[in-house]
Amino acid sequence: MDRETVLVPLFGWVHLTNEVTTPFGIGNPENTGTTSLMLVSLDADENELSGSHALLESGESLSHYSATAGAVAIGAGAVFPTGVDPAPGDVSQVTYDLPVG
């Protein structure tokens, strides 16, 4: 299985899948950065679908992340506590198995 590492923006989302690969989900997503990371299912307007988020702290992983019905993409974004800005050297990244579809 091929794995990919993607740098995640400290603000906003990066797409990990597209409309074709989203239904397959992503295997073994792991937070390989230094910040907390959120995986979400996104609709066509880039909005998070209700109940779709999965929070991964640095070093944590899941066996699989499945998109919520109606999603057109799986996105990832950095998460910071309210009122806390990124610190110098903060890196947000996710490593995962490429979807097979």
N, C-alpha and C. Protein backbone atom coordinates (compact mmCIF):
# COMPACT_ATOMS: atom_id res chain seq x y z
N MET A 1 0.86 -1.18 0.00
CA MET A 1 0.00 0.00 0.00
C MET A 1 0.90 1.23 0.00
N ASP A 2 0.61 2.15 -0.91
CA ASP A 2 1.35 3.41 -0.98
C ASP A 2 0.85 4.37 0.09
N ARG A 3 1.79 5.06 0.74
CA ARG A 3 1.44 6.07 1.75
C ARG A 3 1.89 7.43 1.25
N GLU A 4 1.17 8.43 1.70
CA GLU A 4 1.49 9.80 1.31
C GLU A 4 1.52 10.67 2.56
N THR A 5 2.45 11.61 2.58
CA THR A 5 2.52 12.60 3.65
C THR A 5 2.19 13.96 3.05
N VAL A 6 1.24 14.66 3.69
CA VAL A 6 0.77 15.94 3.19
C VAL A 6 0.93 16.99 4.28
N LEU A 7 1.56 18.11 3.93
CA LEU A 7 1.60 19.25 4.84
C LEU A 7 0.21 19.86 4.88
N VAL A 8 -0.25 20.13 6.07
CA VAL A 8 -1.60 20.66 6.28
C VAL A 8 -1.48 22.14 6.63
N PRO A 9 -2.30 23.00 6.01
CA PRO A 9 -2.21 24.43 6.34
C PRO A 9 -2.58 24.66 7.80
N LEU A 10 -1.92 25.65 8.41
CA LEU A 10 -2.23 25.98 9.80
C LEU A 10 -3.59 26.64 9.91
N PHE A 11 -4.13 27.13 8.79
CA PHE A 11 -5.48 27.71 8.74
C PHE A 11 -6.16 27.18 7.50
N GLY A 12 -7.39 26.72 7.61
CA GLY A 12 -8.13 26.19 6.46
C GLY A 12 -7.94 24.69 6.31
N TRP A 13 -8.38 24.16 5.17
CA TRP A 13 -8.36 22.73 4.89
C TRP A 13 -7.48 22.40 3.71
N VAL A 14 -6.94 21.20 3.69
CA VAL A 14 -6.31 20.63 2.51
C VAL A 14 -7.10 19.37 2.18
N HIS A 15 -7.36 19.14 0.90
CA HIS A 15 -8.10 17.95 0.48
C HIS A 15 -7.15 16.76 0.42
N LEU A 16 -7.57 15.65 1.02
CA LEU A 16 -6.82 14.41 0.95
C LEU A 16 -7.41 13.46 -0.09
N THR A 17 -8.66 13.72 -0.49
CA THR A 17 -9.34 12.90 -1.50
C THR A 17 -10.10 13.83 -2.43
N ASN A 18 -10.63 13.23 -3.51
CA ASN A 18 -11.50 13.99 -4.43
C ASN A 18 -12.83 13.26 -4.54
N GLU A 19 -13.68 13.71 -5.47
CA GLU A 19 -15.02 13.12 -5.59
C GLU A 19 -14.98 11.63 -5.93
N VAL A 20 -13.95 11.18 -6.62
CA VAL A 20 -13.85 9.78 -7.01
C VAL A 20 -13.36 8.91 -5.86
N THR A 21 -12.35 9.40 -5.10
CA THR A 21 -11.74 8.57 -4.06
C THR A 21 -12.38 8.73 -2.68
N THR A 22 -13.16 9.78 -2.47
CA THR A 22 -13.77 10.02 -1.15
C THR A 22 -14.58 8.84 -0.63
N PRO A 23 -15.41 8.18 -1.46
CA PRO A 23 -16.22 7.06 -0.92
C PRO A 23 -15.39 5.92 -0.33
N PHE A 24 -14.12 5.81 -0.70
CA PHE A 24 -13.27 4.73 -0.20
C PHE A 24 -12.64 5.07 1.15
N GLY A 25 -12.69 6.35 1.54
CA GLY A 25 -12.07 6.77 2.79
C GLY A 25 -10.56 6.73 2.69
N ILE A 26 -9.90 6.94 3.83
CA ILE A 26 -8.44 6.86 3.86
C ILE A 26 -8.02 5.89 4.96
N GLY A 27 -7.02 5.10 4.65
CA GLY A 27 -6.54 4.10 5.60
C GLY A 27 -5.39 4.60 6.44
N ASN A 28 -5.40 4.22 7.68
CA ASN A 28 -4.30 4.47 8.61
C ASN A 28 -3.83 5.92 8.65
N PRO A 29 -4.76 6.89 8.75
CA PRO A 29 -4.29 8.27 8.87
C PRO A 29 -3.55 8.46 10.20
N GLU A 30 -2.40 9.11 10.13
CA GLU A 30 -1.58 9.35 11.31
C GLU A 30 -1.14 10.80 11.35
N ASN A 31 -1.27 11.42 12.50
CA ASN A 31 -0.80 12.79 12.68
C ASN A 31 0.71 12.73 12.88
N THR A 32 1.46 13.10 11.85
CA THR A 32 2.92 13.06 11.90
C THR A 32 3.51 14.45 12.09
N GLY A 33 2.67 15.40 12.48
CA GLY A 33 3.13 16.76 12.74
C GLY A 33 3.21 17.04 14.23
N THR A 34 3.36 18.32 14.57
CA THR A 34 3.50 18.73 15.96
C THR A 34 2.24 19.38 16.52
N THR A 35 1.25 19.64 15.67
CA THR A 35 0.01 20.27 16.11
C THR A 35 -1.11 19.23 16.16
N SER A 36 -2.20 19.56 16.83
CA SER A 36 -3.39 18.73 16.75
C SER A 36 -3.95 18.84 15.33
N LEU A 37 -4.62 17.80 14.88
CA LEU A 37 -5.09 17.71 13.50
C LEU A 37 -6.53 17.23 13.48
N MET A 38 -7.34 17.81 12.60
CA MET A 38 -8.74 17.42 12.46
C MET A 38 -8.95 16.86 11.05
N LEU A 39 -9.55 15.67 10.98
CA LEU A 39 -10.01 15.11 9.70
C LEU A 39 -11.50 15.38 9.62
N VAL A 40 -11.97 15.82 8.46
CA VAL A 40 -13.39 16.14 8.29
C VAL A 40 -13.87 15.70 6.91
N SER A 41 -15.18 15.52 6.80
CA SER A 41 -15.83 15.32 5.51
C SER A 41 -16.35 16.68 5.05
N LEU A 42 -16.05 17.04 3.80
CA LEU A 42 -16.42 18.36 3.28
C LEU A 42 -17.46 18.23 2.18
N ASP A 43 -18.41 19.19 2.16
CA ASP A 43 -19.37 19.23 1.07
C ASP A 43 -18.81 20.06 -0.08
N ALA A 44 -19.59 20.24 -1.13
CA ALA A 44 -19.12 20.95 -2.32
C ALA A 44 -18.80 22.42 -2.06
N ASP A 45 -19.32 22.99 -0.97
CA ASP A 45 -19.04 24.38 -0.61
C ASP A 45 -17.93 24.50 0.42
N GLU A 46 -17.18 23.42 0.65
CA GLU A 46 -16.07 23.40 1.61
C GLU A 46 -16.52 23.45 3.06
N ASN A 47 -17.78 23.16 3.33
CA ASN A 47 -18.29 23.14 4.70
C ASN A 47 -18.12 21.76 5.30
N GLU A 48 -17.76 21.73 6.60
CA GLU A 48 -17.66 20.47 7.32
C GLU A 48 -19.04 19.87 7.51
N LEU A 49 -19.19 18.60 7.19
CA LEU A 49 -20.46 17.92 7.40
C LEU A 49 -20.59 17.56 8.88
N SER A 50 -21.75 17.76 9.42
CA SER A 50 -22.02 17.55 10.83
C SER A 50 -21.61 16.14 11.28
N GLY A 51 -20.92 16.09 12.41
CA GLY A 51 -20.55 14.81 13.00
C GLY A 51 -19.45 14.06 12.30
N SER A 52 -18.73 14.74 11.41
CA SER A 52 -17.74 14.03 10.59
C SER A 52 -16.31 14.15 11.09
N HIS A 53 -16.08 14.93 12.12
CA HIS A 53 -14.69 15.21 12.49
C HIS A 53 -14.06 14.10 13.34
N ALA A 54 -12.76 13.97 13.16
CA ALA A 54 -11.95 13.07 13.98
C ALA A 54 -10.70 13.85 14.38
N LEU A 55 -10.46 13.99 15.67
CA LEU A 55 -9.32 14.73 16.18
C LEU A 55 -8.17 13.77 16.45
N LEU A 56 -7.00 14.12 15.91
CA LEU A 56 -5.78 13.33 16.14
C LEU A 56 -4.73 14.24 16.76
N GLU A 57 -4.26 13.88 17.93
CA GLU A 57 -3.13 14.59 18.54
C GLU A 57 -1.85 14.10 17.87
N SER A 58 -0.76 14.83 18.05
CA SER A 58 0.51 14.45 17.46
C SER A 58 0.86 13.01 17.82
N GLY A 59 1.16 12.20 16.80
CA GLY A 59 1.52 10.80 17.00
C GLY A 59 0.35 9.84 17.01
N GLU A 60 -0.88 10.33 17.10
CA GLU A 60 -2.05 9.45 17.11
C GLU A 60 -2.44 9.03 15.70
N SER A 61 -3.13 7.90 15.60
CA SER A 61 -3.58 7.41 14.29
C SER A 61 -4.92 6.70 14.45
N LEU A 62 -5.56 6.46 13.32
CA LEU A 62 -6.79 5.68 13.22
C LEU A 62 -6.53 4.54 12.24
N SER A 63 -7.30 3.47 12.34
CA SER A 63 -7.15 2.40 11.35
C SER A 63 -7.78 2.80 10.01
N HIS A 64 -8.85 3.63 10.07
CA HIS A 64 -9.52 4.07 8.84
C HIS A 64 -10.38 5.28 9.15
N TYR A 65 -10.50 6.19 8.18
CA TYR A 65 -11.44 7.30 8.30
C TYR A 65 -12.37 7.22 7.10
N SER A 66 -13.67 7.09 7.36
CA SER A 66 -14.68 7.03 6.31
C SER A 66 -15.40 8.37 6.23
N ALA A 67 -15.64 8.83 5.02
CA ALA A 67 -16.35 10.09 4.80
C ALA A 67 -17.83 9.92 5.12
N THR A 68 -18.44 11.00 5.59
CA THR A 68 -19.87 11.06 5.84
C THR A 68 -20.61 11.09 4.51
N ALA A 69 -21.81 10.51 4.46
CA ALA A 69 -22.62 10.53 3.25
C ALA A 69 -22.79 11.96 2.76
N GLY A 70 -22.64 12.17 1.46
CA GLY A 70 -22.77 13.50 0.87
C GLY A 70 -21.47 14.25 0.74
N ALA A 71 -20.39 13.69 1.25
CA ALA A 71 -19.08 14.35 1.18
C ALA A 71 -18.51 14.27 -0.23
N VAL A 72 -17.83 15.31 -0.66
CA VAL A 72 -17.11 15.30 -1.93
C VAL A 72 -15.61 15.26 -1.71
N ALA A 73 -15.16 15.43 -0.45
CA ALA A 73 -13.74 15.38 -0.14
C ALA A 73 -13.55 15.09 1.34
N ILE A 74 -12.41 14.50 1.65
CA ILE A 74 -11.94 14.40 3.02
C ILE A 74 -10.87 15.46 3.17
N GLY A 75 -11.03 16.29 4.19
CA GLY A 75 -10.08 17.36 4.42
C GLY A 75 -9.35 17.19 5.73
N ALA A 76 -8.23 17.90 5.85
CA ALA A 76 -7.46 17.91 7.09
C ALA A 76 -7.08 19.36 7.39
N GLY A 77 -7.11 19.69 8.67
CA GLY A 77 -6.73 21.04 9.09
C GLY A 77 -6.11 21.00 10.48
N ALA A 78 -5.25 21.97 10.76
CA ALA A 78 -4.63 22.09 12.07
C ALA A 78 -5.66 22.61 13.08
N VAL A 79 -5.49 22.24 14.33
CA VAL A 79 -6.40 22.66 15.39
C VAL A 79 -5.57 23.27 16.53
N PHE A 80 -6.00 24.44 16.96
CA PHE A 80 -5.35 25.11 18.09
C PHE A 80 -6.42 25.48 19.12
N PRO A 81 -6.07 25.46 20.40
CA PRO A 81 -7.04 25.89 21.42
C PRO A 81 -7.48 27.33 21.17
N THR A 82 -8.68 27.68 21.59
CA THR A 82 -9.20 29.03 21.41
C THR A 82 -8.23 30.05 21.98
N GLY A 83 -7.91 31.05 21.18
CA GLY A 83 -7.02 32.13 21.62
C GLY A 83 -5.55 31.81 21.51
N VAL A 84 -5.19 30.63 21.02
CA VAL A 84 -3.79 30.25 20.87
C VAL A 84 -3.41 30.27 19.41
N ASP A 85 -2.35 30.99 19.08
CA ASP A 85 -1.85 31.05 17.71
C ASP A 85 -0.75 30.02 17.51
N PRO A 86 -0.47 29.64 16.26
CA PRO A 86 0.64 28.72 16.01
C PRO A 86 1.95 29.30 16.53
N ALA A 87 2.79 28.43 17.05
CA ALA A 87 4.11 28.84 17.54
C ALA A 87 5.13 28.65 16.42
N PRO A 88 6.24 29.38 16.47
CA PRO A 88 7.30 29.16 15.48
C PRO A 88 7.71 27.68 15.50
N GLY A 89 7.82 27.11 14.34
CA GLY A 89 8.21 25.70 14.23
C GLY A 89 7.05 24.72 14.23
N ASP A 90 5.83 25.19 14.50
CA ASP A 90 4.68 24.28 14.43
C ASP A 90 4.53 23.73 13.02
N VAL A 91 4.35 22.43 12.91
CA VAL A 91 4.15 21.77 11.62
C VAL A 91 2.92 20.89 11.75
N SER A 92 2.04 21.03 10.79
CA SER A 92 0.84 20.19 10.75
C SER A 92 0.94 19.31 9.52
N GLN A 93 0.94 18.00 9.71
CA GLN A 93 0.99 17.08 8.57
C GLN A 93 0.32 15.77 8.92
N VAL A 94 -0.15 15.12 7.87
CA VAL A 94 -0.82 13.83 8.03
C VAL A 94 -0.21 12.84 7.03
N THR A 95 -0.04 11.61 7.47
CA THR A 95 0.44 10.53 6.61
C THR A 95 -0.66 9.49 6.57
N TYR A 96 -0.98 8.99 5.37
CA TYR A 96 -2.11 8.06 5.21
C TYR A 96 -1.90 7.17 4.01
N ASP A 97 -2.65 6.05 3.98
CA ASP A 97 -2.65 5.16 2.83
C ASP A 97 -3.45 5.81 1.71
N LEU A 98 -2.91 5.82 0.52
CA LEU A 98 -3.63 6.39 -0.61
C LEU A 98 -4.91 5.58 -0.87
N PRO A 99 -6.02 6.28 -1.13
CA PRO A 99 -7.28 5.55 -1.42
C PRO A 99 -7.13 4.69 -2.68
N VAL A 100 -7.76 3.56 -2.65
CA VAL A 100 -7.77 2.67 -3.81
C VAL A 100 -9.17 2.74 -4.40
N GLY A 101 -9.26 3.21 -5.62
CA GLY A 101 -10.59 3.31 -6.20
C GLY A 101 -10.57 3.49 -7.67
